Amino acid sequence: MEKSISNYINSLFENYEDFYIPSPHRGYNLDEMDNDFFKSLSKIIEFRESGNLSSQTSRRLITHLMADYIRNLVIERL
């Protein structure tokens, strides 16, 4: 069940390529990560308000986006 949910969320991101935070890499600083996060979050909100995303899909995208952001913060701090 968990795998199918993960696959579903990943498929959402394949359809919405703009909502993506790259994984940390050498030279990817926290300011860039913050900018990418807020840019993606703004796009999700914009799509939701324009009626192009359902509330359920937008919640899932935001949850996934936040999880990636937090994971990247932890990786960056280690």
PDB file of N, CA and C in Angstrom:
ATOM      1  N   MET A   1       0.834  -1.203   0.000  1.00  0.00           N
ATOM      2  CA  MET A   1       0.000   0.000   0.000  1.00  0.00           C
ATOM      3  C   MET A   1       0.871   1.257   0.000  1.00  0.00           C
ATOM      4  N   GLU A   2       1.891   1.271   0.897  1.00  0.00           N
ATOM      5  CA  GLU A   2       2.764   2.433   0.985  1.00  0.00           C
ATOM      6  C   GLU A   2       3.492   2.668  -0.341  1.00  0.00           C
ATOM      7  N   LYS A   3       3.898   1.592  -0.993  1.00  0.00           N
ATOM      8  CA  LYS A   3       4.603   1.711  -2.272  1.00  0.00           C
ATOM      9  C   LYS A   3       3.691   2.311  -3.341  1.00  0.00           C
ATOM     10  N   SER A   4       2.421   1.926  -3.350  1.00  0.00           N
ATOM     11  CA  SER A   4       1.508   2.476  -4.351  1.00  0.00           C
ATOM     12  C   SER A   4       1.254   3.965  -4.105  1.00  0.00           C
ATOM     13  N   ILE A   5       1.208   4.371  -2.846  1.00  0.00           N
ATOM     14  CA  ILE A   5       1.048   5.790  -2.527  1.00  0.00           C
ATOM     15  C   ILE A   5       2.281   6.563  -2.993  1.00  0.00           C
ATOM     16  N   SER A   6       3.446   6.006  -2.719  1.00  0.00           N
ATOM     17  CA  SER A   6       4.690   6.636  -3.156  1.00  0.00           C
ATOM     18  C   SER A   6       4.742   6.751  -4.676  1.00  0.00           C
ATOM     19  N   ASN A   7       4.351   5.697  -5.367  1.00  0.00           N
ATOM     20  CA  ASN A   7       4.323   5.726  -6.834  1.00  0.00           C
ATOM     21  C   ASN A   7       3.347   6.781  -7.336  1.00  0.00           C
ATOM     22  N   TYR A   8       2.202   6.892  -6.664  1.00  0.00           N
ATOM     23  CA  TYR A   8       1.204   7.887  -7.064  1.00  0.00           C
ATOM     24  C   TYR A   8       1.758   9.303  -6.909  1.00  0.00           C
ATOM     25  N   ILE A   9       2.372   9.567  -5.769  1.00  0.00           N
ATOM     26  CA  ILE A   9       2.930  10.899  -5.528  1.00  0.00           C
ATOM     27  C   ILE A   9       4.037  11.200  -6.532  1.00  0.00           C
ATOM     28  N   ASN A  10       4.882  10.211  -6.805  1.00  0.00           N
ATOM     29  CA  ASN A  10       5.932  10.414  -7.808  1.00  0.00           C
ATOM     30  C   ASN A  10       5.332  10.695  -9.178  1.00  0.00           C
ATOM     31  N   SER A  11       4.230  10.026  -9.507  1.00  0.00           N
ATOM     32  CA  SER A  11       3.593  10.274 -10.804  1.00  0.00           C
ATOM     33  C   SER A  11       3.017  11.688 -10.863  1.00  0.00           C
ATOM     34  N   LEU A  12       2.557  12.215  -9.733  1.00  0.00           N
ATOM     35  CA  LEU A  12       2.079  13.597  -9.704  1.00  0.00           C
ATOM     36  C   LEU A  12       3.202  14.549 -10.078  1.00  0.00           C
ATOM     37  N   PHE A  13       4.379  14.292  -9.528  1.00  0.00           N
ATOM     38  CA  PHE A  13       5.505  15.170  -9.811  1.00  0.00           C
ATOM     39  C   PHE A  13       5.994  15.023 -11.240  1.00  0.00           C
ATOM     40  N   GLU A  14       5.799  13.872 -11.848  1.00  0.00           N
ATOM     41  CA  GLU A  14       6.153  13.723 -13.259  1.00  0.00           C
ATOM     42  C   GLU A  14       5.251  14.609 -14.113  1.00  0.00           C
ATOM     43  N   ASN A  15       4.005  14.771 -13.688  1.00  0.00           N
ATOM     44  CA  ASN A  15       3.064  15.606 -14.433  1.00  0.00           C
ATOM     45  C   ASN A  15       3.261  17.094 -14.157  1.00  0.00           C
ATOM     46  N   TYR A  16       3.846  17.412 -13.034  1.00  0.00           N
ATOM     47  CA  TYR A  16       4.054  18.807 -12.641  1.00  0.00           C
ATOM     48  C   TYR A  16       5.542  19.018 -12.390  1.00  0.00           C
ATOM     49  N   GLU A  17       6.317  19.054 -13.462  1.00  0.00           N
ATOM     50  CA  GLU A  17       7.769  19.116 -13.358  1.00  0.00           C
ATOM     51  C   GLU A  17       8.266  20.376 -12.657  1.00  0.00           C
ATOM     52  N   ASP A  18       7.471  21.434 -12.640  1.00  0.00           N
ATOM     53  CA  ASP A  18       7.918  22.680 -12.021  1.00  0.00           C
ATOM     54  C   ASP A  18       7.975  22.587 -10.501  1.00  0.00           C
ATOM     55  N   PHE A  19       7.292  21.615  -9.921  1.00  0.00           N
ATOM     56  CA  PHE A  19       7.230  21.501  -8.470  1.00  0.00           C
ATOM     57  C   PHE A  19       8.309  20.529  -8.013  1.00  0.00           C
ATOM     58  N   TYR A  20       9.531  20.969  -7.997  1.00  0.00           N
ATOM     59  CA  TYR A  20      10.624  20.051  -7.716  1.00  0.00           C
ATOM     60  C   TYR A  20      11.735  20.787  -6.994  1.00  0.00           C
ATOM     61  N   ILE A  21      12.255  20.162  -5.953  1.00  0.00           N
ATOM     62  CA  ILE A  21      13.437  20.677  -5.281  1.00  0.00           C
ATOM     63  C   ILE A  21      14.559  19.684  -5.554  1.00  0.00           C
ATOM     64  N   PRO A  22      15.628  20.112  -6.202  1.00  0.00           N
ATOM     65  CA  PRO A  22      16.717  19.175  -6.464  1.00  0.00           C
ATOM     66  C   PRO A  22      17.353  18.693  -5.169  1.00  0.00           C
ATOM     67  N   SER A  23      17.917  17.512  -5.196  1.00  0.00           N
ATOM     68  CA  SER A  23      18.651  17.006  -4.039  1.00  0.00           C
ATOM     69  C   SER A  23      19.909  17.841  -3.853  1.00  0.00           C
ATOM     70  N   PRO A  24      20.364  17.955  -2.613  1.00  0.00           N
ATOM     71  CA  PRO A  24      21.575  18.739  -2.376  1.00  0.00           C
ATOM     72  C   PRO A  24      22.762  18.163  -3.151  1.00  0.00           C
ATOM     73  N   HIS A  25      23.616  19.021  -3.592  1.00  0.00           N
ATOM     74  CA  HIS A  25      24.845  18.600  -4.249  1.00  0.00           C
ATOM     75  C   HIS A  25      25.908  19.629  -3.894  1.00  0.00           C
ATOM     76  N   ARG A  26      27.111  19.329  -4.211  1.00  0.00           N
ATOM     77  CA  ARG A  26      28.192  20.252  -3.886  1.00  0.00           C
ATOM     78  C   ARG A  26      27.895  21.622  -4.514  1.00  0.00           C
ATOM     79  N   GLY A  27      27.919  22.650  -3.691  1.00  0.00           N
ATOM     80  CA  GLY A  27      27.662  23.988  -4.192  1.00  0.00           C
ATOM     81  C   GLY A  27      26.190  24.407  -4.156  1.00  0.00           C
ATOM     82  N   TYR A  28      25.293  23.498  -3.742  1.00  0.00           N
ATOM     83  CA  TYR A  28      23.862  23.831  -3.650  1.00  0.00           C
ATOM     84  C   TYR A  28      23.622  24.347  -2.245  1.00  0.00           C
ATOM     85  N   ASN A  29      23.600  25.664  -2.078  1.00  0.00           N
ATOM     86  CA  ASN A  29      23.520  26.216  -0.728  1.00  0.00           C
ATOM     87  C   ASN A  29      22.078  26.360  -0.245  1.00  0.00           C
ATOM     88  N   LEU A  30      21.952  26.708   1.018  1.00  0.00           N
ATOM     89  CA  LEU A  30      20.626  26.785   1.631  1.00  0.00           C
ATOM     90  C   LEU A  30      19.768  27.893   1.024  1.00  0.00           C
ATOM     91  N   ASP A  31      20.378  28.982   0.610  1.00  0.00           N
ATOM     92  CA  ASP A  31      19.594  30.053  -0.028  1.00  0.00           C
ATOM     93  C   ASP A  31      18.960  29.570  -1.324  1.00  0.00           C
ATOM     94  N   GLU A  32      19.723  28.814  -2.119  1.00  0.00           N
ATOM     95  CA  GLU A  32      19.174  28.249  -3.359  1.00  0.00           C
ATOM     96  C   GLU A  32      18.032  27.292  -3.047  1.00  0.00           C
ATOM     97  N   MET A  33      18.226  26.469  -2.004  1.00  0.00           N
ATOM     98  CA  MET A  33      17.201  25.502  -1.636  1.00  0.00           C
ATOM     99  C   MET A  33      15.930  26.224  -1.189  1.00  0.00           C
ATOM    100  N   ASP A  34      16.086  27.288  -0.395  1.00  0.00           N
ATOM    101  CA  ASP A  34      14.928  28.079   0.034  1.00  0.00           C
ATOM    102  C   ASP A  34      14.206  28.678  -1.169  1.00  0.00           C
ATOM    103  N   ASN A  35      14.967  29.242  -2.086  1.00  0.00           N
ATOM    104  CA  ASN A  35      14.361  29.845  -3.279  1.00  0.00           C
ATOM    105  C   ASN A  35      13.600  28.812  -4.097  1.00  0.00           C
ATOM    106  N   ASP A  36      14.200  27.628  -4.293  1.00  0.00           N
ATOM    107  CA  ASP A  36      13.532  26.566  -5.047  1.00  0.00           C
ATOM    108  C   ASP A  36      12.248  26.125  -4.353  1.00  0.00           C
ATOM    109  N   PHE A  37      12.308  26.000  -3.024  1.00  0.00           N
ATOM    110  CA  PHE A  37      11.138  25.575  -2.259  1.00  0.00           C
ATOM    111  C   PHE A  37       9.994  26.574  -2.422  1.00  0.00           C
ATOM    112  N   PHE A  38      10.279  27.860  -2.198  1.00  0.00           N
ATOM    113  CA  PHE A  38       9.213  28.859  -2.255  1.00  0.00           C
ATOM    114  C   PHE A  38       8.706  29.077  -3.674  1.00  0.00           C
ATOM    115  N   LYS A  39       9.573  28.921  -4.654  1.00  0.00           N
ATOM    116  CA  LYS A  39       9.144  29.018  -6.052  1.00  0.00           C
ATOM    117  C   LYS A  39       8.155  27.886  -6.363  1.00  0.00           C
ATOM    118  N   SER A  40       8.488  26.666  -5.929  1.00  0.00           N
ATOM    119  CA  SER A  40       7.601  25.526  -6.169  1.00  0.00           C
ATOM    120  C   SER A  40       6.295  25.670  -5.399  1.00  0.00           C
ATOM    121  N   LEU A  41       6.389  26.096  -4.145  1.00  0.00           N
ATOM    122  CA  LEU A  41       5.191  26.287  -3.329  1.00  0.00           C
ATOM    123  C   LEU A  41       4.276  27.345  -3.953  1.00  0.00           C
ATOM    124  N   SER A  42       4.850  28.420  -4.443  1.00  0.00           N
ATOM    125  CA  SER A  42       4.059  29.471  -5.094  1.00  0.00           C
ATOM    126  C   SER A  42       3.344  28.948  -6.328  1.00  0.00           C
ATOM    127  N   LYS A  43       4.031  28.107  -7.102  1.00  0.00           N
ATOM    128  CA  LYS A  43       3.406  27.547  -8.304  1.00  0.00           C
ATOM    129  C   LYS A  43       2.247  26.629  -7.939  1.00  0.00           C
ATOM    130  N   ILE A  44       2.416  25.822  -6.893  1.00  0.00           N
ATOM    131  CA  ILE A  44       1.331  24.939  -6.460  1.00  0.00           C
ATOM    132  C   ILE A  44       0.121  25.781  -6.059  1.00  0.00           C
ATOM    133  N   ILE A  45       0.359  26.819  -5.271  1.00  0.00           N
ATOM    134  CA  ILE A  45      -0.737  27.690  -4.829  1.00  0.00           C
ATOM    135  C   ILE A  45      -1.392  28.374  -6.026  1.00  0.00           C
ATOM    136  N   GLU A  46      -0.578  28.850  -6.950  1.00  0.00           N
ATOM    137  CA  GLU A  46      -1.107  29.504  -8.153  1.00  0.00           C
ATOM    138  C   GLU A  46      -1.981  28.546  -8.964  1.00  0.00           C
ATOM    139  N   PHE A  47      -1.504  27.315  -9.169  1.00  0.00           N
ATOM    140  CA  PHE A  47      -2.284  26.320  -9.914  1.00  0.00           C
ATOM    141  C   PHE A  47      -3.572  25.991  -9.174  1.00  0.00           C
ATOM    142  N   ARG A  48      -3.508  25.901  -7.848  1.00  0.00           N
ATOM    143  CA  ARG A  48      -4.693  25.575  -7.048  1.00  0.00           C
ATOM    144  C   ARG A  48      -5.729  26.688  -7.159  1.00  0.00           C
ATOM    145  N   GLU A  49      -5.281  27.924  -7.020  1.00  0.00           N
ATOM    146  CA  GLU A  49      -6.209  29.050  -7.069  1.00  0.00           C
ATOM    147  C   GLU A  49      -6.826  29.234  -8.451  1.00  0.00           C
ATOM    148  N   SER A  50      -6.107  28.830  -9.491  1.00  0.00           N
ATOM    149  CA  SER A  50      -6.640  28.963 -10.848  1.00  0.00           C
ATOM    150  C   SER A  50      -7.567  27.805 -11.215  1.00  0.00           C
ATOM    151  N   GLY A  51      -7.673  26.812 -10.328  1.00  0.00           N
ATOM    152  CA  GLY A  51      -8.562  25.685 -10.574  1.00  0.00           C
ATOM    153  C   GLY A  51      -7.933  24.550 -11.361  1.00  0.00           C
ATOM    154  N   ASN A  52      -6.619  24.627 -11.596  1.00  0.00           N
ATOM    155  CA  ASN A  52      -5.941  23.577 -12.353  1.00  0.00           C
ATOM    156  C   ASN A  52      -5.492  22.395 -11.502  1.00  0.00           C
ATOM    157  N   LEU A  53      -5.612  22.514 -10.180  1.00  0.00           N
ATOM    158  CA  LEU A  53      -5.283  21.413  -9.268  1.00  0.00           C
ATOM    159  C   LEU A  53      -6.422  21.245  -8.279  1.00  0.00           C
ATOM    160  N   SER A  54      -6.746  20.013  -7.972  1.00  0.00           N
ATOM    161  CA  SER A  54      -7.739  19.776  -6.924  1.00  0.00           C
ATOM    162  C   SER A  54      -7.083  20.047  -5.575  1.00  0.00           C
ATOM    163  N   SER A  55      -7.892  20.256  -4.559  1.00  0.00           N
ATOM    164  CA  SER A  55      -7.332  20.504  -3.227  1.00  0.00           C
ATOM    165  C   SER A  55      -6.568  19.280  -2.733  1.00  0.00           C
ATOM    166  N   GLN A  56      -7.070  18.093  -3.045  1.00  0.00           N
ATOM    167  CA  GLN A  56      -6.391  16.869  -2.617  1.00  0.00           C
ATOM    168  C   GLN A  56      -5.018  16.747  -3.282  1.00  0.00           C
ATOM    169  N   THR A  57      -4.954  17.001  -4.564  1.00  0.00           N
ATOM    170  CA  THR A  57      -3.676  16.917  -5.277  1.00  0.00           C
ATOM    171  C   THR A  57      -2.713  17.982  -4.775  1.00  0.00           C
ATOM    172  N   SER A  58      -3.205  19.185  -4.553  1.00  0.00           N
ATOM    173  CA  SER A  58      -2.318  20.244  -4.070  1.00  0.00           C
ATOM    174  C   SER A  58      -1.795  19.922  -2.676  1.00  0.00           C
ATOM    175  N   ARG A  59      -2.625  19.341  -1.814  1.00  0.00           N
ATOM    176  CA  ARG A  59      -2.153  18.935  -0.482  1.00  0.00           C
ATOM    177  C   ARG A  59      -1.063  17.881  -0.590  1.00  0.00           C
ATOM    178  N   ARG A  60      -1.263  16.919  -1.483  1.00  0.00           N
ATOM    179  CA  ARG A  60      -0.242  15.874  -1.662  1.00  0.00           C
ATOM    180  C   ARG A  60       1.061  16.451  -2.200  1.00  0.00           C
ATOM    181  N   LEU A  61       0.961  17.354  -3.163  1.00  0.00           N
ATOM    182  CA  LEU A  61       2.166  17.974  -3.711  1.00  0.00           C
ATOM    183  C   LEU A  61       2.900  18.784  -2.643  1.00  0.00           C
ATOM    184  N   ILE A  62       2.155  19.540  -1.847  1.00  0.00           N
ATOM    185  CA  ILE A  62       2.775  20.344  -0.792  1.00  0.00           C
ATOM    186  C   ILE A  62       3.414  19.447   0.257  1.00  0.00           C
ATOM    187  N   THR A  63       2.750  18.369   0.632  1.00  0.00           N
ATOM    188  CA  THR A  63       3.314  17.429   1.603  1.00  0.00           C
ATOM    189  C   THR A  63       4.613  16.834   1.082  1.00  0.00           C
ATOM    190  N   HIS A  64       4.614  16.417  -0.168  1.00  0.00           N
ATOM    191  CA  HIS A  64       5.811  15.834  -0.773  1.00  0.00           C
ATOM    192  C   HIS A  64       6.924  16.880  -0.876  1.00  0.00           C
ATOM    193  N   LEU A  65       6.568  18.080  -1.263  1.00  0.00           N
ATOM    194  CA  LEU A  65       7.527  19.169  -1.383  1.00  0.00           C
ATOM    195  C   LEU A  65       8.168  19.471  -0.030  1.00  0.00           C
ATOM    196  N   MET A  66       7.351  19.540   1.021  1.00  0.00           N
ATOM    197  CA  MET A  66       7.871  19.817   2.362  1.00  0.00           C
ATOM    198  C   MET A  66       8.766  18.690   2.852  1.00  0.00           C
ATOM    199  N   ALA A  67       8.388  17.450   2.578  1.00  0.00           N
ATOM    200  CA  ALA A  67       9.214  16.312   2.990  1.00  0.00           C
ATOM    201  C   ALA A  67      10.580  16.366   2.312  1.00  0.00           C
ATOM    202  N   ASP A  68      10.607  16.669   1.021  1.00  0.00           N
ATOM    203  CA  ASP A  68      11.881  16.792   0.304  1.00  0.00           C
ATOM    204  C   ASP A  68      12.720  17.934   0.865  1.00  0.00           C
ATOM    205  N   TYR A  69      12.077  19.035   1.160  1.00  0.00           N
ATOM    206  CA  TYR A  69      12.784  20.199   1.689  1.00  0.00           C
ATOM    207  C   TYR A  69      13.422  19.875   3.039  1.00  0.00           C
ATOM    208  N   ILE A  70      12.652  19.251   3.924  1.00  0.00           N
ATOM    209  CA  ILE A  70      13.174  18.893   5.250  1.00  0.00           C
ATOM    210  C   ILE A  70      14.300  17.874   5.119  1.00  0.00           C
ATOM    211  N   ARG A  71      14.117  16.882   4.252  1.00  0.00           N
ATOM    212  CA  ARG A  71      15.168  15.881   4.027  1.00  0.00           C
ATOM    213  C   ARG A  71      16.447  16.560   3.541  1.00  0.00           C
ATOM    214  N   ASN A  72      16.305  17.486   2.609  1.00  0.00           N
ATOM    215  CA  ASN A  72      17.471  18.182   2.077  1.00  0.00           C
ATOM    216  C   ASN A  72      18.153  19.044   3.137  1.00  0.00           C
ATOM    217  N   LEU A  73      17.361  19.662   4.022  1.00  0.00           N
ATOM    218  CA  LEU A  73      17.951  20.439   5.113  1.00  0.00           C
ATOM    219  C   LEU A  73      18.784  19.551   6.024  1.00  0.00           C
ATOM    220  N   VAL A  74      18.254  18.389   6.354  1.00  0.00           N
ATOM    221  CA  VAL A  74      18.976  17.457   7.220  1.00  0.00           C
ATOM    222  C   VAL A  74      20.260  16.997   6.540  1.00  0.00           C
ATOM    223  N   ILE A  75      20.173  16.633   5.271  1.00  0.00           N
ATOM    224  CA  ILE A  75      21.355  16.185   4.530  1.00  0.00           C
ATOM    225  C   ILE A  75      22.395  17.299   4.476  1.00  0.00           C
ATOM    226  N   GLU A  76      21.948  18.509   4.245  1.00  0.00           N
ATOM    227  CA  GLU A  76      22.862  19.646   4.130  1.00  0.00           C
ATOM    228  C   GLU A  76      23.570  19.924   5.453  1.00  0.00           C
ATOM    229  N   ARG A  77      22.892  19.681   6.557  1.00  0.00           N
ATOM    230  CA  ARG A  77      23.459  19.966   7.881  1.00  0.00           C
ATOM    231  C   ARG A  77      24.413  18.874   8.364  1.00  0.00           C
ATOM    232  N   LEU A  78      24.354  17.680   7.780  1.00  0.00           N
ATOM    233  CA  LEU A  78      25.216  16.573   8.240  1.00  0.00           C
ATOM    234  C   LEU A  78      26.619  16.697   7.733  1.00  0.00           C
TER     235      LEU A  78
END
